[in-house]
C-alpha atoms as a PDB file:
ATOM      1  CA  MET A   1       0.000   0.000   0.000  1.00  0.00           C
ATOM      2  CA  ASN A   2       1.241   3.419  -0.878  1.00  0.00           C
ATOM      3  CA  GLY A   3      -0.756   5.247   1.820  1.00  0.00           C
ATOM      4  CA  TRP A   4      -3.999   7.145   1.551  1.00  0.00           C
ATOM      5  CA  ARG A   5      -4.244  10.427  -0.363  1.00  0.00           C
ATOM      6  CA  ARG A   6      -7.108  12.822  -0.911  1.00  0.00           C
ATOM      7  CA  ARG A   7      -7.927  13.245  -4.596  1.00  0.00           C
ATOM      8  CA  GLY A   8     -10.778  15.646  -5.048  1.00  0.00           C
ATOM      9  CA  GLY A   9     -13.607  14.484  -2.840  1.00  0.00           C
ATOM     10  CA  LEU A  10     -12.301  10.915  -2.511  1.00  0.00           C
ATOM     11  CA  LEU A  11      -9.667   9.113  -0.492  1.00  0.00           C
ATOM     12  CA  VAL A  12      -7.470   7.023  -2.735  1.00  0.00           C
ATOM     13  CA  ALA A  13      -4.953   4.243  -2.137  1.00  0.00           C
ATOM     14  CA  HIS A  14      -3.551   1.244  -3.974  1.00  0.00           C
ATOM     15  CA  LEU A  15      -3.433  -2.251  -2.490  1.00  0.00           C
ATOM     16  CA  THR A  16      -1.461  -5.188  -3.759  1.00  0.00           C
ATOM     17  CA  GLU A  17      -3.364  -8.429  -4.225  1.00  0.00           C
ATOM     18  CA  ARG A  18      -1.734  -9.812  -1.078  1.00  0.00           C
ATOM     19  CA  GLU A  19      -2.660  -6.751   0.996  1.00  0.00           C
ATOM     20  CA  ALA A  20      -6.241  -6.835  -0.256  1.00  0.00           C
ATOM     21  CA  GLY A  21      -6.510 -10.548   0.525  1.00  0.00           C
ATOM     22  CA  LEU A  22      -5.095 -10.016   3.988  1.00  0.00           C
ATOM     23  CA  LEU A  23      -7.495  -7.161   4.756  1.00  0.00           C
ATOM     24  CA  ARG A  24     -10.516  -8.957   3.336  1.00  0.00           C
ATOM     25  CA  GLY A  25      -9.623 -12.137   5.226  1.00  0.00           C
ATOM     26  CA  MET A  26      -9.180 -10.423   8.589  1.00  0.00           C
ATOM     27  CA  VAL A  27     -12.298  -8.274   8.243  1.00  0.00           C
ATOM     28  CA  GLY A  28     -14.228 -11.379   7.180  1.00  0.00           C
ATOM     29  CA  GLN A  29     -12.994 -13.326  10.212  1.00  0.00           C
ATOM     30  CA  VAL A  30     -14.050 -10.568  12.608  1.00  0.00           C
ATOM     31  CA  ARG A  31     -17.408 -10.359  10.851  1.00  0.00           C
ATOM     32  CA  ASP A  32     -17.857 -14.138  11.151  1.00  0.00           C
ATOM     33  CA  MET A  33     -17.153 -13.956  14.904  1.00  0.00           C
ATOM     34  CA  LEU A  34     -19.725 -11.208  15.329  1.00  0.00           C
ATOM     35  CA  GLU A  35     -22.291 -13.090  13.228  1.00  0.00           C
ATOM     36  CA  ALA A  36     -21.771 -16.164  15.415  1.00  0.00           C
ATOM     37  CA  ARG A  37     -22.590 -14.021  18.460  1.00  0.00           C
ATOM     38  CA  VAL A  38     -25.831 -12.896  16.790  1.00  0.00           C
ATOM     39  CA  ALA A  39     -26.698 -16.449  15.740  1.00  0.00           C
ATOM     40  CA  ALA A  40     -26.229 -17.689  19.319  1.00  0.00           C
ATOM     41  CA  LEU A  41     -29.006 -15.431  20.594  1.00  0.00           C
ATOM     42  CA  PRO A  42     -32.084 -17.371  21.637  1.00  0.00           C
ATOM     43  CA  ARG A  43     -35.244 -16.958  19.592  1.00  0.00           C
ATOM     44  CA  ASP A  44     -37.299 -14.142  21.089  1.00  0.00           C
ATOM     45  CA  GLU A  45     -40.986 -14.150  20.130  1.00  0.00           C
ATOM     46  CA  LEU A  46     -41.585 -10.715  21.671  1.00  0.00           C
ATOM     47  CA  ALA A  47     -38.748  -9.265  19.583  1.00  0.00           C
ATOM     48  CA  GLU A  48     -40.253 -10.810  16.470  1.00  0.00           C
ATOM     49  CA  LEU A  49     -43.599  -9.150  17.247  1.00  0.00           C
ATOM     50  CA  THR A  50     -42.243  -5.742  18.261  1.00  0.00           C
ATOM     51  CA  GLY A  51     -39.072  -5.505  16.219  1.00  0.00           C
ATOM     52  CA  ILE A  52     -37.180  -4.615  19.409  1.00  0.00           C
ATOM     53  CA  THR A  53     -34.296  -7.022  19.754  1.00  0.00           C
ATOM     54  CA  ALA A  54     -32.792  -7.706  23.154  1.00  0.00           C
ATOM     55  CA  GLY A  55     -29.224  -8.867  23.310  1.00  0.00           C
ATOM     56  CA  PRO A  56     -27.529 -11.122  25.813  1.00  0.00           C
ATOM     57  CA  THR A  57     -26.991  -9.883  29.361  1.00  0.00           C
ATOM     58  CA  THR A  58     -23.619 -11.579  29.766  1.00  0.00           C
ATOM     59  CA  PRO A  59     -20.353 -10.724  28.055  1.00  0.00           C
ATOM     60  CA  PRO A  60     -18.852 -13.118  25.510  1.00  0.00           C
ATOM     61  CA  GLU A  61     -16.655 -15.864  26.919  1.00  0.00           C
ATOM     62  CA  ASP A  62     -14.252 -15.655  23.970  1.00  0.00           C
ATOM     63  CA  ARG A  63     -11.571 -13.106  24.861  1.00  0.00           C
ATOM     64  CA  VAL A  64     -11.454 -11.614  21.346  1.00  0.00           C
ATOM     65  CA  LEU A  65     -15.213 -11.111  21.263  1.00  0.00           C
ATOM     66  CA  ALA A  66     -15.073  -9.766  24.812  1.00  0.00           C
ATOM     67  CA  ARG A  67     -12.559  -7.163  23.601  1.00  0.00           C
ATOM     68  CA  LEU A  68     -14.792  -6.211  20.667  1.00  0.00           C
ATOM     69  CA  LEU A  69     -17.910  -6.130  22.872  1.00  0.00           C
ATOM     70  CA  PRO A  70     -16.644  -4.851  26.252  1.00  0.00           C
ATOM     71  CA  ASP A  71     -18.722  -4.424  29.387  1.00  0.00           C
ATOM     72  CA  PHE A  72     -20.974  -1.389  29.334  1.00  0.00           C
ATOM     73  CA  HIS A  73     -20.392  -0.670  33.035  1.00  0.00           C
ATOM     74  CA  ARG A  74     -17.413  -1.987  34.971  1.00  0.00           C
ATOM     75  CA  GLU A  75     -18.598  -1.567  38.542  1.00  0.00           C
ATOM     76  CA  ASP A  76     -22.171  -2.852  38.356  1.00  0.00           C
ATOM     77  CA  ALA A  77     -22.694  -6.216  36.639  1.00  0.00           C
ATOM     78  CA  THR A  78     -26.485  -5.900  36.722  1.00  0.00           C
ATOM     79  CA  LEU A  79     -26.402  -2.481  35.093  1.00  0.00           C
ATOM     80  CA  SER A  80     -23.844  -3.713  32.577  1.00  0.00           C
ATOM     81  CA  GLY A  81     -26.057  -6.685  31.688  1.00  0.00           C
ATOM     82  CA  GLY A  82     -29.076  -4.454  31.177  1.00  0.00           C
ATOM     83  CA  LEU A  83     -27.114  -2.031  29.017  1.00  0.00           C
ATOM     84  CA  ARG A  84     -25.682  -4.930  27.039  1.00  0.00           C
ATOM     85  CA  ALA A  85     -29.164  -6.328  26.409  1.00  0.00           C
ATOM     86  CA  LEU A  86     -30.278  -2.919  25.133  1.00  0.00           C
ATOM     87  CA  HIS A  87     -27.284  -1.876  23.061  1.00  0.00           C
ATOM     88  CA  GLU A  88     -25.327  -4.926  21.935  1.00  0.00           C
ATOM     89  CA  PRO A  89     -27.664  -5.771  19.022  1.00  0.00           C
ATOM     90  CA  GLU A  90     -27.174  -2.261  17.608  1.00  0.00           C
ATOM     91  CA  LEU A  91     -23.420  -2.419  18.201  1.00  0.00           C
ATOM     92  CA  LEU A  92     -23.250  -5.752  16.391  1.00  0.00           C
ATOM     93  CA  ALA A  93     -25.238  -4.324  13.478  1.00  0.00           C
ATOM     94  CA  VAL A  94     -22.915  -1.313  13.220  1.00  0.00           C
ATOM     95  CA  LYS A  95     -19.813  -3.514  13.314  1.00  0.00           C
ATOM     96  CA  ASP A  96     -21.323  -5.794  10.665  1.00  0.00           C
ATOM     97  CA  GLY A  97     -22.141  -2.761   8.525  1.00  0.00           C
ATOM     98  CA  VAL A  98     -18.634  -1.307   8.595  1.00  0.00           C
ATOM     99  CA  ALA A  99     -17.157  -4.715   7.813  1.00  0.00           C
ATOM    100  CA  GLY A 100     -19.547  -4.916   4.869  1.00  0.00           C
ATOM    101  CA  VAL A 101     -18.336  -1.553   3.557  1.00  0.00           C
ATOM    102  CA  VAL A 102     -14.725  -2.765   3.601  1.00  0.00           C
ATOM    103  CA  LEU A 103     -15.609  -6.029   1.885  1.00  0.00           C
ATOM    104  CA  ASP A 104     -17.688  -4.182  -0.723  1.00  0.00           C
ATOM    105  CA  THR A 105     -15.021  -1.567  -1.501  1.00  0.00           C
ATOM    106  CA  CYS A 106     -11.773  -3.526  -1.162  1.00  0.00           C
ATOM    107  CA  PRO A 107     -10.931  -5.093  -4.522  1.00  0.00           C
ATOM    108  CA  ALA A 108     -10.374  -8.836  -4.101  1.00  0.00           C
ATOM    109  CA  ARG A 109      -7.346  -8.825  -6.404  1.00  0.00           C
ATOM    110  CA  GLY A 110      -5.933  -5.559  -5.175  1.00  0.00           C
ATOM    111  CA  GLY A 111      -5.848  -2.360  -7.106  1.00  0.00           C
ATOM    112  CA  ARG A 112      -6.977   1.186  -6.647  1.00  0.00           C
ATOM    113  CA  LEU A 113      -9.341   2.082  -3.825  1.00  0.00           C
ATOM    114  CA  ARG A 114     -11.579   5.136  -3.967  1.00  0.00           C
ATOM    115  CA  LEU A 115     -13.576   5.940  -0.843  1.00  0.00           C
ATOM    116  CA  THR A 116     -15.986   8.676   0.118  1.00  0.00           C
ATOM    117  CA  ASP A 117     -15.504  10.218   3.545  1.00  0.00           C
ATOM    118  CA  GLU A 118     -18.387   8.107   4.858  1.00  0.00           C
ATOM    119  CA  GLN A 119     -16.819   4.914   3.511  1.00  0.00           C
ATOM    120  CA  ALA A 120     -13.475   5.961   4.974  1.00  0.00           C
ATOM    121  CA  GLN A 121     -15.095   6.326   8.403  1.00  0.00           C
ATOM    122  CA  ALA A 122     -16.434   2.783   8.045  1.00  0.00           C
ATOM    123  CA  TRP A 123     -12.952   1.586   7.078  1.00  0.00           C
ATOM    124  CA  LEU A 124     -11.504   3.220  10.207  1.00  0.00           C
ATOM    125  CA  ALA A 125     -14.036   1.462  12.432  1.00  0.00           C
ATOM    126  CA  ALA A 126     -13.474  -1.918  10.745  1.00  0.00           C
ATOM    127  CA  LEU A 127      -9.679  -1.526  10.884  1.00  0.00           C
ATOM    128  CA  ASN A 128      -9.994  -0.711  14.568  1.00  0.00           C
ATOM    129  CA  ASP A 129     -11.990  -3.909  15.150  1.00  0.00           C
ATOM    130  CA  VAL A 130      -9.390  -5.978  13.296  1.00  0.00           C
ATOM    131  CA  ARG A 131      -6.557  -4.363  15.260  1.00  0.00           C
ATOM    132  CA  LEU A 132      -8.373  -4.985  18.555  1.00  0.00           C
ATOM    133  CA  ALA A 133      -8.954  -8.627  17.632  1.00  0.00           C
ATOM    134  CA  LEU A 134      -5.395  -9.223  16.454  1.00  0.00           C
ATOM    135  CA  GLY A 135      -3.932  -7.271  19.372  1.00  0.00           C
ATOM    136  CA  THR A 136      -5.907  -9.443  21.789  1.00  0.00           C
ATOM    137  CA  VAL A 137      -4.662 -12.655  20.190  1.00  0.00           C
ATOM    138  CA  LEU A 138      -1.075 -11.354  20.194  1.00  0.00           C
ATOM    139  CA  GLU A 139      -1.452  -9.999  23.739  1.00  0.00           C
ATOM    140  CA  VAL A 140      -0.195  -6.584  22.643  1.00  0.00           C
ATOM    141  CA  THR A 141       0.595  -4.247  25.519  1.00  0.00           C
ATOM    142  CA  GLU A 142       2.014  -0.738  25.704  1.00  0.00           C
ATOM    143  CA  ASP A 143       5.407  -2.062  26.805  1.00  0.00           C
ATOM    144  CA  MET A 144       5.603  -4.766  24.126  1.00  0.00           C
ATOM    145  CA  PRO A 145       8.618  -4.263  21.852  1.00  0.00           C
ATOM    146  CA  ASP A 146       8.015  -3.210  18.244  1.00  0.00           C
ATOM    147  CA  GLU A 147       9.723  -6.392  17.078  1.00  0.00           C
ATOM    148  CA  LEU A 148       9.732  -9.868  18.543  1.00  0.00           C
ATOM    149  CA  PRO A 149      12.520 -12.426  18.205  1.00  0.00           C
ATOM    150  CA  ALA A 150      12.382 -14.275  14.889  1.00  0.00           C
ATOM    151  CA  ASP A 151      11.623 -17.569  16.668  1.00  0.00           C
ATOM    152  CA  ASP A 152       8.553 -16.104  18.422  1.00  0.00           C
ATOM    153  CA  PRO A 153       5.480 -17.446  16.579  1.00  0.00           C
ATOM    154  CA  ARG A 154       3.765 -14.072  17.040  1.00  0.00           C
ATOM    155  CA  ALA A 155       6.493 -12.152  15.181  1.00  0.00           C
ATOM    156  CA  PRO A 156       4.984 -12.230  11.659  1.00  0.00           C
ATOM    157  CA  HIS A 157       1.551 -11.391  13.043  1.00  0.00           C
ATOM    158  CA  LEU A 158       2.942  -8.422  14.941  1.00  0.00           C
ATOM    159  CA  VAL A 159       4.264  -7.091  11.635  1.00  0.00           C
ATOM    160  CA  VAL A 160       0.709  -7.302  10.264  1.00  0.00           C
ATOM    161  CA  TYR A 161      -0.575  -5.520  13.381  1.00  0.00           C
ATOM    162  CA  HIS A 162       1.899  -2.662  12.818  1.00  0.00           C
ATOM    163  CA  TRP A 163       0.955  -2.507   9.130  1.00  0.00           C
ATOM    164  CA  LEU A 164      -2.740  -2.225  10.053  1.00  0.00           C
ATOM    165  CA  THR A 165      -1.833   0.577  12.460  1.00  0.00           C
ATOM    166  CA  TRP A 166      -0.034   2.394   9.650  1.00  0.00           C
ATOM    167  CA  VAL A 167      -2.961   1.898   7.224  1.00  0.00           C
ATOM    168  CA  GLN A 168      -5.341   3.295   9.823  1.00  0.00           C
ATOM    169  CA  GLU A 169      -3.072   6.245  10.657  1.00  0.00           C
ATOM    170  CA  SER A 170      -2.564   7.050   6.980  1.00  0.00           C
ATOM    171  CA  LEU A 171      -6.327   7.065   6.446  1.00  0.00           C
ATOM    172  CA  ILE A 172      -6.868   9.342   9.459  1.00  0.00           C
ATOM    173  CA  GLN A 173      -4.279  11.787   8.135  1.00  0.00           C
ATOM    174  CA  ALA A 174      -5.845  11.788   4.673  1.00  0.00           C
ATOM    175  CA  LEU A 175      -9.293  12.399   6.158  1.00  0.00           C
ATOM    176  CA  ALA A 176      -7.920  15.257   8.243  1.00  0.00           C
ATOM    177  CA  GLY A 177      -6.178  16.709   5.207  1.00  0.00           C
ATOM    178  CA  THR A 178      -2.703  16.521   6.749  1.00  0.00           C
END
């Protein structure tokens, strides 16, 4: 990727086929995890009648999903469960939507990307979700070194994490016009 640039009213970048495949694969994996959370919800007849969907009251057991869907209140589990039941379905829908924008706009074989500001905002949100998921798996912390020893199995994945950070930062700068 050559970084994001503003060209007229669009944000433009070029992805290699490998970069596009990597992005599409990671966004798709996060989306699949979120869809599995939705699919695990019990059937709710009242929601079907009213159109008001209630989410689960407990956080996900999977640590990656728990990072993507954090507690709504840290000090009161009952309040957190109630807030989760109210807001998690909407949060899941938003996350699914931004992932869909990336998958719809990222060319499968690489090439030139042209995004509106609204699409770029969706890309930022989806990239953030991918970085959170990957960072959780890699156990990224503030004091983690930028590079890991070559024999550390996380080393190549940390390179991808840093690349995603750069893609996201480049897009933010292009949106801001800097």
